[in-house]
Amino acid sequence: MAGFGTNYQSGGGGGEINRLQKYSHTIGSNIQKIAQNVKSMQQLVNQLGTEQDSPQLQAQLHKVQQYTNGLAKDTTAELRTFKNLPAPPGEEGRAWRMQQDRLTKQFTQTLNEFQATQRQAANKEKEALRKARADSDSQYFDRGSSALVDIGGEGGSSSSAGQQLQHQLEQEEELRAIKERESQIRQLEADIGDVNQIFKDLATMVHEQGEVIDSIEANVETAQVNVSQGNVQLASARLCQNKGCRKKVILAIILAVIVSIIIGLIVWSSKK
């Protein structure tokens, strides 16, 4: 884009061209960052539910996902402003509009990959949470049974009390980890909803400018609505055609009756 706007700048439009270049660079840079973060997220997601899974890994995934979600929102706002900037006339303006379209499609594709990774992370997190709850319940039952045996045995001593305290601390730590994971899942699902809204905003921007865009979330419902509307319009057209045919037939019959009456009157008059 460095070559765009040379003539326009010489004609006094340098300020607008600088703004176009600024937004184009910022949006392109953000798209690259989102794509890089998606790759990092994918590597972390692949470790969920494995031996490498840990609270630290989950916290890192949560941090990257949150940052990327915020970056996607910022990029949407930047893209809207970029599309609303006045473009230079002639070939330069067409070149800028092509750049806007290109960035919109790149952003949409990157968002699709981001949301797919979000959904994968949410599914794995939920599965790991179910497993953690089941393990916690099982361990709690085993510890309770062990404590009853210790109480019933001889010499239930301070060592037994110490073990019970240790078990209690471990259980509280497990419960904290489960609650933290639940909180992260709720936040992740909210962020997935944010990306859905971004898709809808992009679809609105594209529709306003008469462009064509492919997206997973925003355009499925739009396509279904358009198909339904098309079917309704087609049915209406057929109905109108049928009504039109019936009107023509009725008019022809009425006209024939009128002509017959006129001919009859003429014949009757001539006989008199």
Protein backbone atom coordinates (compact mmCIF):
# COMPACT_ATOMS: atom_id res chain seq x y z
CA MET A 1 0.00 0.00 0.00
CA ALA A 2 3.02 2.31 0.14
CA GLY A 3 2.50 3.33 -3.49
CA PHE A 4 -1.15 4.26 -3.04
CA GLY A 5 -2.19 7.87 -2.90
CA THR A 6 0.80 9.62 -4.50
CA ASN A 7 -1.35 11.73 -6.81
CA TYR A 8 -3.99 12.28 -4.18
CA GLN A 9 -1.37 13.52 -1.71
CA SER A 10 -0.01 16.00 -4.25
CA GLY A 11 -3.57 17.24 -4.73
CA GLY A 12 -4.07 18.03 -1.03
CA GLY A 13 -5.46 14.70 0.16
CA GLY A 14 -2.32 13.65 2.02
CA GLY A 15 -4.02 13.68 5.41
CA GLU A 16 -6.70 11.18 4.36
CA ILE A 17 -4.15 8.94 2.66
CA ASN A 18 -2.03 8.93 5.83
CA ARG A 19 -5.08 7.85 7.82
CA LEU A 20 -5.87 5.11 5.31
CA GLN A 21 -2.29 3.85 5.48
CA LYS A 22 -2.31 3.98 9.28
CA TYR A 23 -5.50 1.94 9.61
CA SER A 24 -4.43 -0.50 6.91
CA HIS A 25 -1.13 -1.15 8.70
CA THR A 26 -2.75 -1.48 12.14
CA ILE A 27 -5.44 -3.89 10.94
CA GLY A 28 -2.96 -6.02 9.00
CA SER A 29 -0.65 -6.17 12.03
CA ASN A 30 -3.53 -7.15 14.33
CA ILE A 31 -4.61 -9.94 11.99
CA GLN A 32 -1.08 -11.37 12.06
CA LYS A 33 -1.01 -11.21 15.87
CA ILE A 34 -4.38 -12.98 16.12
CA ALA A 35 -3.17 -15.71 13.74
CA GLN A 36 0.00 -16.20 15.80
CA ASN A 37 -1.98 -16.35 19.03
CA VAL A 38 -4.33 -18.93 17.52
CA LYS A 39 -1.33 -21.16 16.81
CA SER A 40 -0.12 -20.73 20.40
CA MET A 41 -3.60 -21.50 21.71
CA GLN A 42 -3.79 -24.63 19.57
CA GLN A 43 -0.56 -25.94 21.08
CA LEU A 44 -1.89 -25.32 24.59
CA VAL A 45 -5.30 -26.83 23.80
CA ASN A 46 -3.64 -30.02 22.56
CA GLN A 47 -2.14 -30.47 26.04
CA LEU A 48 -5.44 -30.16 27.90
CA GLY A 49 -6.49 -33.44 29.47
CA THR A 50 -3.00 -34.93 29.10
CA GLU A 51 -0.14 -35.39 31.56
CA GLN A 52 1.09 -31.91 30.61
CA ASP A 53 -2.19 -30.35 31.76
CA SER A 54 -1.80 -28.12 34.82
CA PRO A 55 -3.28 -25.01 36.43
CA GLN A 56 -0.35 -23.04 34.99
CA LEU A 57 -1.11 -24.25 31.46
CA GLN A 58 -4.80 -23.44 31.87
CA ALA A 59 -3.93 -19.95 33.16
CA GLN A 60 -1.63 -19.36 30.18
CA LEU A 61 -4.31 -20.49 27.74
CA HIS A 62 -6.88 -18.27 29.46
CA LYS A 63 -4.52 -15.29 29.25
CA VAL A 64 -3.74 -15.73 25.53
CA GLN A 65 -7.41 -16.32 24.71
CA GLN A 66 -8.52 -13.21 26.60
CA TYR A 67 -5.90 -11.03 24.95
CA THR A 68 -6.80 -12.33 21.49
CA ASN A 69 -10.49 -11.75 22.11
CA GLY A 70 -9.81 -8.13 23.05
CA LEU A 71 -7.58 -7.71 20.00
CA ALA A 72 -10.37 -9.03 17.77
CA LYS A 73 -12.79 -6.45 19.20
CA ASP A 74 -10.28 -3.64 18.65
CA THR A 75 -9.64 -4.79 15.09
CA THR A 76 -13.38 -4.78 14.34
CA ALA A 77 -13.63 -1.16 15.46
CA GLU A 78 -10.53 -0.23 13.42
CA LEU A 79 -11.92 -1.96 10.35
CA ARG A 80 -15.25 -0.15 10.62
CA THR A 81 -13.47 3.21 10.81
CA PHE A 82 -11.19 2.21 7.93
CA LYS A 83 -14.17 1.36 5.71
CA ASN A 84 -15.89 4.65 6.54
CA LEU A 85 -12.89 6.81 5.59
CA PRO A 86 -13.32 8.71 2.30
CA ALA A 87 -11.29 7.07 -0.45
CA PRO A 88 -9.43 9.07 -3.11
CA PRO A 89 -11.04 9.28 -6.55
CA GLY A 90 -10.30 7.12 -9.56
CA GLU A 91 -7.92 4.18 -9.63
CA GLU A 92 -6.43 5.01 -6.23
CA GLY A 93 -9.84 4.80 -4.62
CA ARG A 94 -10.51 1.42 -6.23
CA ALA A 95 -7.12 0.18 -5.02
CA TRP A 96 -7.96 1.21 -1.44
CA ARG A 97 -11.37 -0.46 -1.60
CA MET A 98 -9.69 -3.66 -2.81
CA GLN A 99 -7.32 -3.42 0.17
CA GLN A 100 -10.29 -3.00 2.52
CA ASP A 101 -11.99 -6.05 1.04
CA ARG A 102 -8.77 -8.07 1.30
CA LEU A 103 -8.29 -7.19 4.97
CA THR A 104 -11.95 -7.96 5.73
CA LYS A 105 -11.65 -11.43 4.23
CA GLN A 106 -8.33 -12.11 5.99
CA PHE A 107 -9.80 -10.96 9.31
CA THR A 108 -12.88 -13.14 8.83
CA GLN A 109 -10.79 -16.22 8.02
CA THR A 110 -8.57 -15.62 11.06
CA LEU A 111 -11.64 -15.18 13.28
CA ASN A 112 -13.04 -18.48 12.01
CA GLU A 113 -9.82 -20.22 13.08
CA PHE A 114 -9.83 -18.38 16.42
CA GLN A 115 -13.39 -19.39 17.22
CA ALA A 116 -12.80 -22.99 16.17
CA THR A 117 -9.89 -23.10 18.64
CA GLN A 118 -12.06 -21.48 21.32
CA ARG A 119 -14.72 -24.15 20.87
CA GLN A 120 -12.14 -26.91 20.98
CA ALA A 121 -10.71 -25.45 24.18
CA ALA A 122 -14.18 -25.20 25.74
CA ASN A 123 -14.99 -28.84 24.92
CA LYS A 124 -11.69 -30.08 26.34
CA GLU A 125 -12.03 -27.89 29.44
CA LYS A 126 -15.53 -29.25 30.11
CA GLU A 127 -14.35 -32.83 29.69
CA ALA A 128 -11.39 -32.23 32.03
CA LEU A 129 -13.73 -30.58 34.55
CA ARG A 130 -16.08 -33.59 34.54
CA LYS A 131 -13.11 -35.89 35.10
CA ALA A 132 -11.74 -33.69 37.91
CA ARG A 133 -15.11 -33.70 39.68
CA ALA A 134 -15.40 -37.47 39.39
CA ASP A 135 -11.86 -37.97 40.72
CA SER A 136 -12.50 -35.55 43.58
CA ASP A 137 -15.70 -37.34 44.60
CA SER A 138 -13.98 -40.73 44.43
CA GLN A 139 -11.00 -39.58 46.52
CA TYR A 140 -13.32 -37.94 49.05
CA PHE A 141 -15.16 -41.25 49.50
CA ASP A 142 -11.90 -43.21 49.85
CA ARG A 143 -10.55 -40.75 52.43
CA GLY A 144 -13.78 -40.89 54.42
CA SER A 145 -13.65 -44.68 54.53
CA SER A 146 -10.00 -44.59 55.58
CA ALA A 147 -10.80 -42.15 58.38
CA LEU A 148 -13.54 -44.44 59.72
CA VAL A 149 -11.11 -47.37 59.79
CA ASP A 150 -8.54 -45.29 61.65
CA ILE A 151 -11.10 -44.22 64.23
CA GLY A 152 -12.20 -47.80 64.81
CA GLY A 153 -8.65 -49.10 65.06
CA GLU A 154 -6.39 -49.16 68.04
CA GLY A 155 -4.07 -46.32 68.82
CA GLY A 156 -5.82 -43.73 66.66
CA SER A 157 -3.08 -41.23 67.28
CA SER A 158 -1.85 -37.84 66.26
CA SER A 159 -0.52 -39.34 63.02
CA SER A 160 -4.08 -40.22 61.99
CA ALA A 161 -5.23 -36.68 62.79
CA GLY A 162 -2.36 -35.32 60.75
CA GLN A 163 -3.33 -37.44 57.77
CA GLN A 164 -6.92 -36.25 58.00
CA LEU A 165 -5.77 -32.65 58.06
CA GLN A 166 -3.57 -33.28 55.02
CA HIS A 167 -6.46 -34.89 53.18
CA GLN A 168 -8.69 -31.94 54.01
CA LEU A 169 -6.13 -29.45 52.70
CA GLU A 170 -5.73 -31.47 49.49
CA GLN A 171 -9.49 -31.58 49.01
CA GLU A 172 -9.80 -27.81 49.50
CA GLU A 173 -7.04 -27.27 46.92
CA GLU A 174 -8.84 -29.54 44.46
CA LEU A 175 -12.09 -27.64 45.00
CA ARG A 176 -10.32 -24.32 44.38
CA ALA A 177 -8.88 -25.72 41.13
CA ILE A 178 -12.31 -26.95 40.04
CA LYS A 179 -13.93 -23.57 40.77
CA GLU A 180 -11.16 -21.79 38.87
CA ARG A 181 -11.68 -24.06 35.89
CA GLU A 182 -15.44 -23.47 36.00
CA SER A 183 -14.81 -19.71 35.99
CA GLN A 184 -12.48 -20.00 33.00
CA ILE A 185 -15.03 -22.05 31.08
CA ARG A 186 -17.76 -19.46 31.72
CA GLN A 187 -15.42 -16.71 30.53
CA LEU A 188 -14.46 -18.73 27.46
CA GLU A 189 -18.11 -19.25 26.53
CA ALA A 190 -18.74 -15.51 26.95
CA ASP A 191 -15.77 -14.77 24.68
CA ILE A 192 -17.14 -17.17 22.05
CA GLY A 193 -20.34 -15.13 22.18
CA ASP A 194 -18.27 -11.96 21.64
CA VAL A 195 -16.78 -13.44 18.48
CA ASN A 196 -20.28 -14.32 17.26
CA GLN A 197 -21.19 -10.66 17.67
CA ILE A 198 -18.06 -9.64 15.73
CA PHE A 199 -19.18 -11.89 12.86
CA LYS A 200 -22.57 -10.17 12.87
CA ASP A 201 -20.92 -6.73 12.87
CA LEU A 202 -18.74 -7.76 9.93
CA ALA A 203 -21.78 -9.07 8.06
CA THR A 204 -23.52 -5.73 8.64
CA MET A 205 -20.51 -3.79 7.36
CA VAL A 206 -20.28 -5.98 4.28
CA HIS A 207 -24.01 -5.76 3.59
CA GLU A 208 -23.95 -1.98 3.85
CA GLN A 209 -21.21 -1.78 1.22
CA GLY A 210 -22.68 -4.41 -1.07
CA GLU A 211 -19.76 -6.82 -0.71
CA VAL A 212 -19.68 -10.60 -0.38
CA ILE A 213 -18.11 -12.31 2.63
CA ASP A 214 -17.87 -15.89 3.93
CA SER A 215 -18.18 -16.50 7.68
CA ILE A 216 -19.09 -19.48 9.81
CA GLU A 217 -21.37 -17.87 12.36
CA ALA A 218 -22.88 -14.68 10.98
CA ASN A 219 -23.88 -15.67 7.47
CA VAL A 220 -25.54 -19.04 8.09
CA GLU A 221 -28.66 -17.47 9.55
CA THR A 222 -28.61 -14.71 6.92
CA ALA A 223 -28.43 -17.26 4.13
CA GLN A 224 -31.33 -19.20 5.63
CA VAL A 225 -33.40 -16.03 5.89
CA ASN A 226 -32.57 -15.06 2.30
CA VAL A 227 -33.58 -18.51 1.04
CA SER A 228 -36.84 -18.35 2.97
CA GLN A 229 -37.55 -14.88 1.64
CA GLY A 230 -36.77 -16.07 -1.87
CA ASN A 231 -39.22 -18.95 -1.53
CA VAL A 232 -41.91 -16.60 -0.24
CA GLN A 233 -41.29 -14.18 -3.10
CA LEU A 234 -41.39 -17.02 -5.63
CA ALA A 235 -44.66 -18.31 -4.21
CA SER A 236 -46.06 -14.77 -4.26
CA ALA A 237 -45.02 -14.38 -7.88
CA ARG A 238 -46.74 -17.63 -8.82
CA LEU A 239 -49.86 -16.55 -6.94
CA CYS A 240 -49.82 -13.23 -8.72
CA GLN A 241 -49.47 -15.01 -12.06
CA ASN A 242 -52.45 -17.25 -11.24
CA LYS A 243 -54.51 -14.28 -10.15
CA GLY A 244 -53.52 -12.43 -13.31
CA CYS A 245 -54.65 -15.34 -15.49
CA ARG A 246 -57.98 -15.55 -13.69
CA LYS A 247 -58.54 -11.81 -14.11
CA LYS A 248 -57.84 -12.04 -17.82
CA VAL A 249 -60.35 -14.89 -18.25
CA ILE A 250 -63.03 -13.03 -16.27
CA LEU A 251 -62.48 -9.85 -18.28
CA ALA A 252 -62.72 -11.84 -21.53
CA ILE A 253 -66.03 -13.41 -20.42
CA ILE A 254 -67.46 -10.03 -19.39
CA LEU A 255 -66.39 -8.52 -22.69
CA ALA A 256 -68.00 -11.41 -24.63
CA VAL A 257 -71.26 -10.94 -22.71
CA ILE A 258 -71.28 -7.18 -23.40
CA VAL A 259 -70.62 -7.76 -27.11
CA SER A 260 -73.41 -10.35 -27.25
CA ILE A 261 -75.86 -7.93 -25.61
CA ILE A 262 -74.91 -5.15 -28.03
CA ILE A 263 -75.35 -7.45 -31.04
CA GLY A 264 -78.71 -8.62 -29.70
CA LEU A 265 -79.92 -5.03 -29.29
CA ILE A 266 -78.82 -4.17 -32.80
CA VAL A 267 -80.65 -7.18 -34.28
CA TRP A 268 -83.81 -6.44 -32.26
CA SER A 269 -83.78 -2.78 -33.36
CA SER A 270 -83.40 -3.68 -37.03
CA LYS A 271 -86.42 -6.01 -36.91
CA LYS A 272 -88.60 -3.20 -35.57
